[in-house]
Amino acid sequence: MAKANMSLTRNPMPTQDPQVRAHNFSEVALGYTKETAIDEAMRCLNCKNMPCVSGCPVKIHIPEFIEKIKEGEFEAAYQIISQSSSLPAVCGRVCPQETQCESKCIRGVKGESVGIGRLERFVADWHNTFCTEEPVRPEPKGHKVAIVGSGPSGLTCAGDLAKKGYEVTVFEALHTAGGVLVYGIPEFRLPKAIVAKEVETLEKLGVKVETNVVIGKTLTVDELFDMGYEAVFIGSGAGLPNFMNIPGESLKGVYSANEFLTRSNLMKAYLEQPETPIMKGGNVAVVGGGNVAMDAARTALRLGADKVYIVYRRSMEELPARREEVEHAEEEGIEFRLLCNPVEILGYNNPDDPRDPKNGFVTGMRCVKMELGEPDAKGRRRPVEIPNSEFEIAVDTVIMSIGTSPNPLIKSTTEGLEVNSRGGIIVNEDGLTSRNAVYAGGDAVTGAATVISAMGAGKTAAKAIDEYLSK
């Protein structure tokens, strides 16, 4: 075997040139080559106590799969990952490894941690490109389970149960399976073909996917039990956007990030003559500092915006988005207006001519400057408005990306399902709700969080459902 790689820096991820990618929807990160993957794997010390695993919500056997990469056994590495994760090609691209598995890596003490996420992506892509073997379906157990939502928690729960022989049906409200993976994350960060491939793998295991079914409208949870399902997992996500409730939010040209990204990702608003248009060109302000805000801003740029601003009320140090996404946004020319907060969205109004086509459209945004005060309950310094600091930004489109909440539809149509003050479904440590045989996990419980944490909740619930139905 080759000598260990003791470099203090990881192998860089090759990417498209910023000036080129800012005008296309092709994937930004290009992935490791075989040689680069092996070289990066050689940086792993194969620690006996495996600290990296403790940082992974789904507990992937990280040193084991990396060891297989060192040996050039890429398919074996994939099989190790797939024991714990149903979505390795997704996780390798969008999980915040820097705050999870990679944050525990010993190599990170005196240098950069091993590129675990990059290696996971490489292995998954290798499998999807070269493996032609069909997954083996287990012996059926004779029990039916319904999954509400085809996002990361739902797909994970479905995959784990299908591998145990359960008859699983996933009910998805939209016309394409994948949940937030397809409607919320842009093509340049997570290609739709990658998600479709992961869903296809689950279908080959026996998982049925029913699209255009809105649980709470088309069917209720109680009706699922009437249809013979013995357990239900609710992974319906947090698709209800939050707004600031400031003047002007009802103007034309104001979007939630959810609407803006869904129109672009699933409804093809990027086409020349789209059936569901969104504002193109002009100046765009995205309010918020999370990963969704970065996605919305970078999408607006690719749709032809002249200028895109990220408007965030704290400083760069408090910005919650992944550092890699922030760097990519800066490279592409997106301007960060930090320590400022919107107080009003301005619009054009011509009362003398109500037929004026400009009436009701956004023309700008009034903001105030902020400074950081004392830490809040989460330890972040609280932003405080600076008196007499108002200023205006000339924009044509405003995208609100300040978080989402669970949709109240399932709660309002399911008797006895308890939720907290934020609308999240209340569950115990196994994901069991206040209703017998009804489990929940992911954003429907926690509010908007990471893909991998939602997957962890799906795994926990799948284990509990198996124990419940095996009694």
Protein backbone atom coordinates (compact mmCIF):
# COMPACT_ATOMS: atom_id res chain seq x y z
CA MET A 1 0.00 0.00 0.00
CA ALA A 2 1.11 3.56 -0.74
CA LYS A 3 2.63 5.65 2.00
CA ALA A 4 0.26 7.67 4.22
CA ASN A 5 -0.41 11.22 3.10
CA MET A 6 0.55 13.50 6.00
CA SER A 7 -0.22 16.75 4.20
CA LEU A 8 -1.84 19.32 6.49
CA THR A 9 -4.18 20.42 3.70
CA ARG A 10 -6.87 18.39 1.98
CA ASN A 11 -7.07 17.93 -1.76
CA PRO A 12 -9.03 20.86 -3.19
CA MET A 13 -12.36 20.26 -4.86
CA PRO A 14 -12.18 21.25 -8.54
CA THR A 15 -14.96 23.65 -9.55
CA GLN A 16 -16.26 25.51 -12.57
CA ASP A 17 -14.74 28.94 -13.12
CA PRO A 18 -16.87 31.49 -11.18
CA GLN A 19 -17.40 33.74 -14.20
CA VAL A 20 -18.65 30.78 -16.24
CA ARG A 21 -20.80 29.03 -13.64
CA ALA A 22 -22.57 32.26 -12.63
CA HIS A 23 -24.42 31.97 -15.95
CA ASN A 24 -25.30 28.27 -16.02
CA PHE A 25 -27.07 25.71 -13.84
CA SER A 26 -24.45 22.96 -14.21
CA GLU A 27 -22.98 21.57 -11.00
CA VAL A 28 -20.39 23.89 -9.49
CA ALA A 29 -18.22 21.23 -7.80
CA LEU A 30 -16.78 18.75 -10.30
CA GLY A 31 -15.78 15.94 -7.94
CA TYR A 32 -12.56 14.06 -7.21
CA THR A 33 -10.80 11.84 -9.72
CA LYS A 34 -9.90 8.27 -8.77
CA GLU A 35 -6.32 9.32 -8.06
CA THR A 36 -7.32 12.33 -5.97
CA ALA A 37 -9.79 10.26 -3.94
CA ILE A 38 -7.14 7.68 -3.09
CA ASP A 39 -4.65 10.40 -2.19
CA GLU A 40 -7.19 12.10 0.10
CA ALA A 41 -8.13 8.76 1.67
CA MET A 42 -4.45 8.23 2.53
CA ARG A 43 -4.72 11.22 4.89
CA CYS A 44 -7.06 9.22 7.14
CA LEU A 45 -5.30 7.80 10.23
CA ASN A 46 -7.97 5.09 10.73
CA CYS A 47 -8.30 6.07 14.41
CA LYS A 48 -9.34 3.21 16.67
CA ASN A 49 -11.88 5.28 18.60
CA MET A 50 -13.36 6.69 15.32
CA PRO A 51 -14.26 10.23 16.54
CA CYS A 52 -15.62 11.12 13.09
CA VAL A 53 -18.43 8.56 13.44
CA SER A 54 -19.67 10.28 16.60
CA GLY A 55 -20.24 13.43 14.53
CA CYS A 56 -22.39 11.67 11.92
CA PRO A 57 -26.15 11.68 12.63
CA VAL A 58 -26.61 8.39 10.72
CA LYS A 59 -23.39 6.83 12.07
CA ILE A 60 -21.71 5.90 8.78
CA HIS A 61 -18.69 3.61 9.31
CA ILE A 62 -16.36 6.32 8.05
CA PRO A 63 -12.86 4.82 8.64
CA GLU A 64 -14.02 1.53 7.11
CA PHE A 65 -15.25 3.03 3.84
CA ILE A 66 -12.18 5.26 3.58
CA GLU A 67 -9.95 2.20 4.08
CA LYS A 68 -11.62 0.60 1.06
CA ILE A 69 -10.92 3.72 -1.01
CA LYS A 70 -7.23 3.42 -0.12
CA GLU A 71 -7.33 -0.09 -1.56
CA GLY A 72 -9.14 1.04 -4.71
CA GLU A 73 -12.22 -0.98 -3.68
CA PHE A 74 -14.76 1.74 -4.45
CA GLU A 75 -17.84 -0.46 -4.71
CA ALA A 76 -17.00 -2.08 -1.37
CA ALA A 77 -16.71 1.41 0.08
CA TYR A 78 -20.19 2.23 -1.26
CA GLN A 79 -21.67 -0.90 0.29
CA ILE A 80 -20.27 0.13 3.68
CA ILE A 81 -21.80 3.61 3.39
CA SER A 82 -25.16 2.25 2.23
CA GLN A 83 -25.47 0.16 5.39
CA SER A 84 -26.12 3.45 7.20
CA SER A 85 -27.22 5.92 4.52
CA SER A 86 -29.90 5.64 1.84
CA LEU A 87 -28.73 8.87 0.15
CA PRO A 88 -24.92 8.87 -0.10
CA ALA A 89 -24.69 10.87 -3.35
CA VAL A 90 -26.93 13.53 -1.79
CA CYS A 91 -25.11 13.66 1.55
CA GLY A 92 -21.73 13.90 -0.12
CA ARG A 93 -22.92 17.11 -1.75
CA VAL A 94 -25.11 18.99 0.71
CA CYS A 95 -24.35 17.85 4.26
CA PRO A 96 -22.44 20.31 6.47
CA GLN A 97 -19.62 17.87 7.16
CA GLU A 98 -17.46 20.70 8.48
CA THR A 99 -19.67 20.94 11.58
CA GLN A 100 -20.33 17.20 11.88
CA CYS A 101 -18.04 14.29 11.01
CA GLU A 102 -15.14 16.42 9.78
CA SER A 103 -15.24 18.59 12.91
CA LYS A 104 -14.24 15.50 14.93
CA CYS A 105 -11.39 14.44 12.61
CA ILE A 106 -8.00 14.22 14.36
CA ARG A 107 -6.27 15.58 11.26
CA GLY A 108 -8.17 18.83 11.82
CA VAL A 109 -6.28 19.54 15.07
CA LYS A 110 -3.08 20.69 13.32
CA GLY A 111 -4.38 21.15 9.79
CA GLU A 112 -7.42 20.45 7.65
CA SER A 113 -9.62 17.47 8.37
CA VAL A 114 -9.95 14.62 5.89
CA GLY A 115 -12.44 15.50 3.11
CA ILE A 116 -14.97 12.91 4.26
CA GLY A 117 -17.90 14.45 2.38
CA ARG A 118 -15.89 14.68 -0.83
CA LEU A 119 -14.91 11.03 -0.50
CA GLU A 120 -18.51 10.00 0.14
CA ARG A 121 -19.58 11.85 -2.99
CA PHE A 122 -16.83 10.19 -5.04
CA VAL A 123 -17.81 6.70 -3.88
CA ALA A 124 -21.52 7.27 -4.53
CA ASP A 125 -20.87 8.70 -8.00
CA TRP A 126 -18.57 5.78 -8.80
CA HIS A 127 -21.31 3.33 -7.83
CA ASN A 128 -23.98 5.16 -9.83
CA THR A 129 -21.72 5.23 -12.89
CA PHE A 130 -20.29 1.72 -12.90
CA CYS A 131 -22.50 -0.60 -10.83
CA THR A 132 -25.08 -2.55 -12.86
CA GLU A 133 -26.20 -5.01 -10.19
CA GLU A 134 -29.77 -4.71 -8.95
CA PRO A 135 -30.28 -4.48 -5.17
CA VAL A 136 -31.56 -7.69 -3.63
CA ARG A 137 -35.08 -7.46 -2.23
CA PRO A 138 -35.45 -9.07 1.20
CA GLU A 139 -38.12 -11.57 2.11
CA PRO A 140 -41.44 -9.75 2.68
CA LYS A 141 -42.56 -9.39 6.29
CA GLY A 142 -46.23 -8.97 5.41
CA HIS A 143 -46.59 -5.55 7.05
CA LYS A 144 -47.49 -2.26 5.33
CA VAL A 145 -46.04 1.14 6.31
CA ALA A 146 -47.00 4.54 4.90
CA ILE A 147 -44.48 7.37 4.61
CA VAL A 148 -45.77 10.94 4.31
CA GLY A 149 -43.30 13.03 2.33
CA SER A 150 -40.38 12.02 0.10
CA GLY A 151 -37.75 14.32 1.56
CA PRO A 152 -34.60 13.07 3.30
CA SER A 153 -36.34 11.82 6.47
CA GLY A 154 -39.09 10.03 4.53
CA LEU A 155 -36.75 8.42 2.00
CA THR A 156 -34.40 7.28 4.75
CA CYS A 157 -37.21 5.76 6.80
CA ALA A 158 -38.59 4.10 3.65
CA GLY A 159 -35.20 2.69 2.67
CA ASP A 160 -34.42 1.26 6.10
CA LEU A 161 -37.83 -0.40 6.34
CA ALA A 162 -37.70 -1.76 2.77
CA LYS A 163 -34.33 -3.37 3.51
CA LYS A 164 -36.07 -5.22 6.36
CA GLY A 165 -38.83 -6.54 4.11
CA TYR A 166 -41.67 -4.11 4.84
CA GLU A 167 -44.12 -3.09 2.13
CA VAL A 168 -43.53 0.66 2.03
CA THR A 169 -45.44 3.35 0.17
CA VAL A 170 -44.23 6.96 0.08
CA PHE A 171 -46.88 9.65 -0.49
CA GLU A 172 -45.52 12.88 -2.00
CA ALA A 173 -47.59 16.06 -2.42
CA LEU A 174 -45.67 17.38 -5.43
CA HIS A 175 -45.31 15.80 -8.88
CA THR A 176 -41.70 14.71 -8.33
CA ALA A 177 -40.23 12.66 -5.48
CA GLY A 178 -37.43 14.12 -3.39
CA GLY A 179 -39.03 16.80 -1.25
CA VAL A 180 -36.70 19.68 -0.42
CA LEU A 181 -33.91 17.88 -2.29
CA VAL A 182 -35.66 18.65 -5.60
CA TYR A 183 -37.77 21.74 -4.91
CA GLY A 184 -35.42 23.58 -2.55
CA ILE A 185 -31.82 22.85 -3.59
CA PRO A 186 -30.71 24.19 -7.00
CA GLU A 187 -29.37 22.07 -9.83
CA PHE A 188 -25.92 23.64 -9.59
CA ARG A 189 -25.56 22.31 -6.04
CA LEU A 190 -27.52 19.06 -6.27
CA PRO A 191 -28.44 17.82 -9.76
CA LYS A 192 -31.98 16.44 -10.00
CA ALA A 193 -30.64 13.32 -11.74
CA ILE A 194 -28.72 12.47 -8.56
CA VAL A 195 -31.89 12.57 -6.45
CA ALA A 196 -33.83 10.62 -9.09
CA LYS A 197 -31.15 7.92 -9.03
CA GLU A 198 -31.36 7.61 -5.24
CA VAL A 199 -35.17 7.33 -5.45
CA GLU A 200 -34.85 4.75 -8.22
CA THR A 201 -32.58 2.65 -6.00
CA LEU A 202 -35.23 2.65 -3.27
CA GLU A 203 -37.91 1.70 -5.80
CA LYS A 204 -35.79 -1.27 -6.86
CA LEU A 205 -35.84 -2.34 -3.20
CA GLY A 206 -39.62 -2.38 -3.42
CA VAL A 207 -40.56 1.10 -2.19
CA LYS A 208 -43.66 2.47 -3.96
CA VAL A 209 -43.83 6.22 -4.57
CA GLU A 210 -47.21 7.91 -5.05
CA THR A 211 -46.90 11.54 -6.20
CA ASN A 212 -49.58 14.26 -6.26
CA VAL A 213 -51.04 12.97 -2.99
CA VAL A 214 -51.51 15.63 -0.31
CA ILE A 215 -51.96 13.92 3.03
CA GLY A 216 -54.60 15.94 4.85
CA LYS A 217 -56.42 16.70 1.59
CA THR A 218 -56.27 13.76 -0.84
CA LEU A 219 -56.08 11.29 2.04
CA THR A 220 -55.90 11.65 5.81
CA VAL A 221 -53.67 9.78 8.23
CA ASP A 222 -56.74 7.94 9.54
CA GLU A 223 -57.64 6.84 6.02
CA LEU A 224 -54.14 5.42 5.58
CA PHE A 225 -54.83 3.10 8.52
CA ASP A 226 -58.19 2.19 6.95
CA MET A 227 -56.28 1.19 3.80
CA GLY A 228 -54.31 -1.42 5.75
CA TYR A 229 -51.18 0.47 6.70
CA GLU A 230 -50.10 -0.54 10.20
CA ALA A 231 -47.77 2.37 10.90
CA VAL A 232 -47.34 5.87 9.48
CA PHE A 233 -44.22 8.04 9.39
CA ILE A 234 -44.74 11.78 8.87
CA GLY A 235 -41.78 13.44 7.18
CA SER A 236 -43.67 16.31 5.55
CA GLY A 237 -40.94 18.89 6.13
CA ALA A 238 -41.22 22.58 6.96
CA GLY A 239 -42.59 24.09 3.80
CA LEU A 240 -44.50 27.03 5.29
CA PRO A 241 -42.40 30.17 4.70
CA ASN A 242 -41.91 32.86 7.32
CA PHE A 243 -42.20 36.56 6.55
CA MET A 244 -41.12 39.71 8.40
CA ASN A 245 -44.58 41.34 8.44
CA ILE A 246 -43.21 44.66 7.25
CA PRO A 247 -44.97 47.09 4.88
CA GLY A 248 -44.76 46.17 1.21
CA GLU A 249 -44.45 42.38 1.49
CA SER A 250 -47.58 41.98 -0.68
CA LEU A 251 -46.05 43.87 -3.61
CA LYS A 252 -45.43 42.16 -6.95
CA GLY A 253 -41.87 40.93 -7.05
CA VAL A 254 -41.73 39.76 -3.42
CA TYR A 255 -41.22 36.01 -3.05
CA SER A 256 -40.54 33.55 -0.29
CA ALA A 257 -37.35 31.62 -1.00
CA ASN A 258 -39.50 28.45 -1.10
CA GLU A 259 -41.67 29.82 -3.90
CA PHE A 260 -38.75 31.27 -5.83
CA LEU A 261 -36.71 28.06 -5.69
CA THR A 262 -39.68 25.76 -6.35
CA ARG A 263 -40.62 27.73 -9.45
CA SER A 264 -37.06 27.56 -10.70
CA ASN A 265 -36.19 24.00 -9.68
CA LEU A 266 -39.38 22.06 -10.41
CA MET A 267 -41.54 24.32 -12.56
CA LYS A 268 -38.83 25.37 -15.01
CA ALA A 269 -39.20 29.13 -14.60
CA TYR A 270 -35.72 29.45 -16.12
CA LEU A 271 -37.11 28.63 -19.59
CA GLU A 272 -37.48 31.36 -22.21
CA GLN A 273 -41.29 31.32 -22.07
CA PRO A 274 -42.11 29.55 -18.78
CA GLU A 275 -45.61 28.58 -17.68
CA THR A 276 -44.77 29.83 -14.18
CA PRO A 277 -42.60 32.95 -14.61
CA ILE A 278 -40.53 34.66 -11.96
CA MET A 279 -38.83 38.06 -12.12
CA LYS A 280 -35.68 38.02 -14.23
CA GLY A 281 -33.12 40.78 -14.59
CA GLY A 282 -32.94 43.91 -12.48
CA ASN A 283 -31.57 44.06 -8.94
CA VAL A 284 -32.45 41.36 -6.40
CA ALA A 285 -32.24 41.44 -2.61
CA VAL A 286 -32.31 38.19 -0.65
CA VAL A 287 -33.11 38.69 3.02
CA GLY A 288 -31.44 36.09 5.25
CA GLY A 289 -28.10 34.38 5.72
CA GLY A 290 -28.67 30.62 5.64
CA ASN A 291 -27.99 28.04 2.95
CA VAL A 292 -31.42 28.67 1.41
CA ALA A 293 -30.60 32.36 1.09
CA MET A 294 -27.36 31.47 -0.72
CA ASP A 295 -29.28 29.14 -3.03
CA ALA A 296 -31.88 31.80 -3.83
CA ALA A 297 -29.27 34.48 -4.46
CA ARG A 298 -27.15 32.31 -6.71
CA THR A 299 -30.25 31.14 -8.59
CA ALA A 300 -31.34 34.75 -9.16
CA LEU A 301 -27.90 35.52 -10.58
CA ARG A 302 -28.15 32.60 -13.01
CA LEU A 303 -31.61 33.74 -14.07
CA GLY A 304 -30.13 37.01 -15.29
CA ALA A 305 -30.19 39.44 -12.36
CA ASP A 306 -28.04 42.51 -12.90
CA LYS A 307 -27.08 42.70 -9.24
CA VAL A 308 -27.80 40.42 -6.28
CA TYR A 309 -27.54 41.43 -2.62
CA ILE A 310 -27.58 39.26 0.49
CA VAL A 311 -29.14 41.40 3.24
CA TYR A 312 -28.34 40.03 6.71
CA ARG A 313 -28.77 41.66 10.09
CA ARG A 314 -25.64 40.20 11.71
CA SER A 315 -21.99 40.08 10.63
CA MET A 316 -20.18 37.54 8.46
CA GLU A 317 -19.02 35.67 11.58
CA GLU A 318 -22.64 34.90 12.54
CA LEU A 319 -23.77 34.01 9.02
CA PRO A 320 -25.29 30.49 9.36
CA ALA A 321 -24.70 29.31 5.77
CA ARG A 322 -21.95 26.83 5.00
CA ARG A 323 -18.64 28.61 4.50
CA GLU A 324 -18.17 26.92 1.12
CA GLU A 325 -21.52 28.28 -0.12
CA VAL A 326 -20.64 31.78 1.08
CA GLU A 327 -17.29 31.64 -0.68
CA HIS A 328 -18.90 30.43 -3.89
CA ALA A 329 -21.46 33.25 -3.73
CA GLU A 330 -18.73 35.86 -3.20
CA GLU A 331 -16.69 34.43 -6.09
CA GLU A 332 -19.73 34.74 -8.35
CA GLY A 333 -20.13 38.44 -7.55
CA ILE A 334 -22.97 38.45 -5.02
CA GLU A 335 -22.70 41.44 -2.68
CA PHE A 336 -23.20 41.00 1.06
CA ARG A 337 -24.94 43.89 2.83
CA LEU A 338 -24.26 42.92 6.42
CA LEU A 339 -25.45 44.45 9.69
CA CYS A 340 -28.56 45.85 8.08
CA ASN A 341 -32.23 44.90 8.33
CA PRO A 342 -35.24 45.69 6.08
CA VAL A 343 -38.04 47.78 7.58
CA GLU A 344 -40.12 48.40 4.44
CA ILE A 345 -40.37 47.21 0.86
CA LEU A 346 -41.01 50.12 -1.49
CA GLY A 347 -43.25 49.99 -4.55
CA TYR A 348 -44.44 52.05 -7.49
CA ASN A 349 -47.93 53.53 -7.21
CA ASN A 350 -49.58 55.83 -9.73
CA PRO A 351 -53.06 56.67 -8.39
CA ASP A 352 -53.78 58.83 -11.45
CA ASP A 353 -53.58 55.82 -13.75
CA PRO A 354 -54.58 52.50 -12.13
CA ARG A 355 -53.92 50.78 -15.46
CA ASP A 356 -50.23 51.69 -15.29
CA PRO A 357 -48.47 48.30 -15.64
CA LYS A 358 -45.81 49.39 -13.14
CA ASN A 359 -48.37 49.79 -10.36
CA GLY A 360 -47.77 47.56 -7.38
CA PHE A 361 -44.26 46.45 -8.34
CA VAL A 362 -41.19 46.58 -6.09
CA THR A 363 -38.87 49.54 -6.60
CA GLY A 364 -36.65 49.32 -3.56
CA MET A 365 -36.15 48.37 0.06
CA ARG A 366 -35.72 50.63 3.08
CA CYS A 367 -33.25 49.26 5.64
CA VAL A 368 -31.69 50.28 8.93
CA LYS A 369 -28.11 49.70 10.02
CA MET A 370 -27.49 47.32 12.91
CA GLU A 371 -24.80 46.70 15.51
CA LEU A 372 -24.20 43.60 17.61
CA GLY A 373 -25.22 43.76 21.26
CA GLU A 374 -25.31 41.16 24.02
CA PRO A 375 -25.55 37.40 23.21
CA ASP A 376 -29.04 35.91 22.84
CA ALA A 377 -30.24 32.54 24.22
CA LYS A 378 -28.27 30.69 21.51
CA GLY A 379 -25.07 32.55 22.30
CA ARG A 380 -25.12 34.74 19.20
CA ARG A 381 -24.77 38.49 19.72
CA ARG A 382 -28.17 40.11 19.31
CA PRO A 383 -28.48 42.67 16.49
CA VAL A 384 -29.57 46.12 17.69
CA GLU A 385 -30.87 48.88 15.44
CA ILE A 386 -28.74 52.02 15.15
CA PRO A 387 -30.99 55.11 15.51
CA ASN A 388 -31.41 57.40 12.50
CA SER A 389 -29.55 55.00 10.21
CA GLU A 390 -32.18 54.39 7.50
CA PHE A 391 -31.06 53.98 3.90
CA GLU A 392 -32.56 52.58 0.70
CA ILE A 393 -31.47 49.93 -1.78
CA ALA A 394 -32.86 50.09 -5.32
CA VAL A 395 -34.16 46.59 -6.14
CA ASP A 396 -36.80 45.07 -8.40
CA THR A 397 -37.18 41.74 -6.58
CA VAL A 398 -37.09 40.80 -2.90
CA ILE A 399 -36.74 37.18 -1.76
CA MET A 400 -37.52 36.45 1.88
CA SER A 401 -35.35 33.65 3.27
CA ILE A 402 -35.82 33.94 7.03
CA GLY A 403 -36.87 30.37 7.78
CA THR A 404 -39.85 28.07 7.45
CA SER A 405 -42.33 26.33 9.72
CA PRO A 406 -44.13 22.98 9.48
CA ASN A 407 -47.35 23.16 7.48
CA PRO A 408 -50.35 22.87 9.84
CA LEU A 409 -52.37 20.77 7.37
CA ILE A 410 -51.58 17.34 8.83
CA LYS A 411 -52.11 18.54 12.39
CA SER A 412 -55.48 20.08 11.51
CA THR A 413 -56.69 16.86 9.86
CA THR A 414 -55.28 14.33 12.33
CA GLU A 415 -57.09 14.03 15.63
CA GLY A 416 -54.92 13.71 18.73
CA LEU A 417 -51.65 14.77 17.09
CA GLU A 418 -49.86 17.13 19.47
CA VAL A 419 -47.64 19.96 18.24
CA ASN A 420 -45.49 22.57 19.98
CA SER A 421 -45.83 26.36 19.87
CA ARG A 422 -43.86 26.51 16.61
CA GLY A 423 -46.09 23.95 14.90
CA GLY A 424 -43.59 21.11 15.11
CA ILE A 425 -45.00 17.65 15.80
CA ILE A 426 -44.11 16.47 19.31
CA VAL A 427 -42.34 13.09 19.41
CA ASN A 428 -40.48 10.96 21.95
CA GLU A 429 -36.90 9.73 21.58
CA ASP A 430 -38.05 7.03 19.13
CA GLY A 431 -39.97 9.44 16.91
CA LEU A 432 -43.37 8.28 18.22
CA THR A 433 -46.04 10.98 18.26
CA SER A 434 -49.00 11.29 20.62
CA ARG A 435 -50.88 8.94 18.29
CA ASN A 436 -50.26 5.20 18.49
CA ALA A 437 -48.32 3.86 15.47
CA VAL A 438 -47.83 7.38 14.07
CA TYR A 439 -44.20 8.48 13.95
CA ALA A 440 -42.61 11.69 12.71
CA GLY A 441 -39.18 13.17 12.08
CA GLY A 442 -37.15 15.76 10.24
CA ASP A 443 -38.26 19.34 9.68
CA ALA A 444 -41.90 18.47 10.49
CA VAL A 445 -40.67 18.01 14.06
CA THR A 446 -37.67 20.35 14.42
CA GLY A 447 -38.44 23.07 11.91
CA ALA A 448 -35.93 23.75 9.14
CA ALA A 449 -32.68 21.86 9.80
CA THR A 450 -30.06 19.89 7.85
CA VAL A 451 -30.59 17.03 5.42
CA ILE A 452 -28.48 14.67 7.50
CA SER A 453 -30.29 15.42 10.76
CA ALA A 454 -33.58 14.66 9.01
CA MET A 455 -32.08 11.39 7.77
CA GLY A 456 -31.04 10.54 11.32
CA ALA A 457 -34.63 11.05 12.48
CA GLY A 458 -35.86 8.81 9.67
CA LYS A 459 -33.46 6.05 10.76
CA THR A 460 -34.55 6.35 14.38
CA ALA A 461 -38.22 6.07 13.44
CA ALA A 462 -37.61 3.13 11.10
CA LYS A 463 -35.93 1.21 13.92
CA ALA A 464 -38.85 1.99 16.26
CA ILE A 465 -41.46 1.00 13.65
CA ASP A 466 -39.67 -2.30 13.06
CA GLU A 467 -39.66 -3.02 16.80
CA TYR A 468 -43.34 -2.07 17.07
CA LEU A 469 -44.48 -4.24 14.16
CA SER A 470 -42.26 -7.15 15.18
CA LYS A 471 -43.96 -7.60 18.55
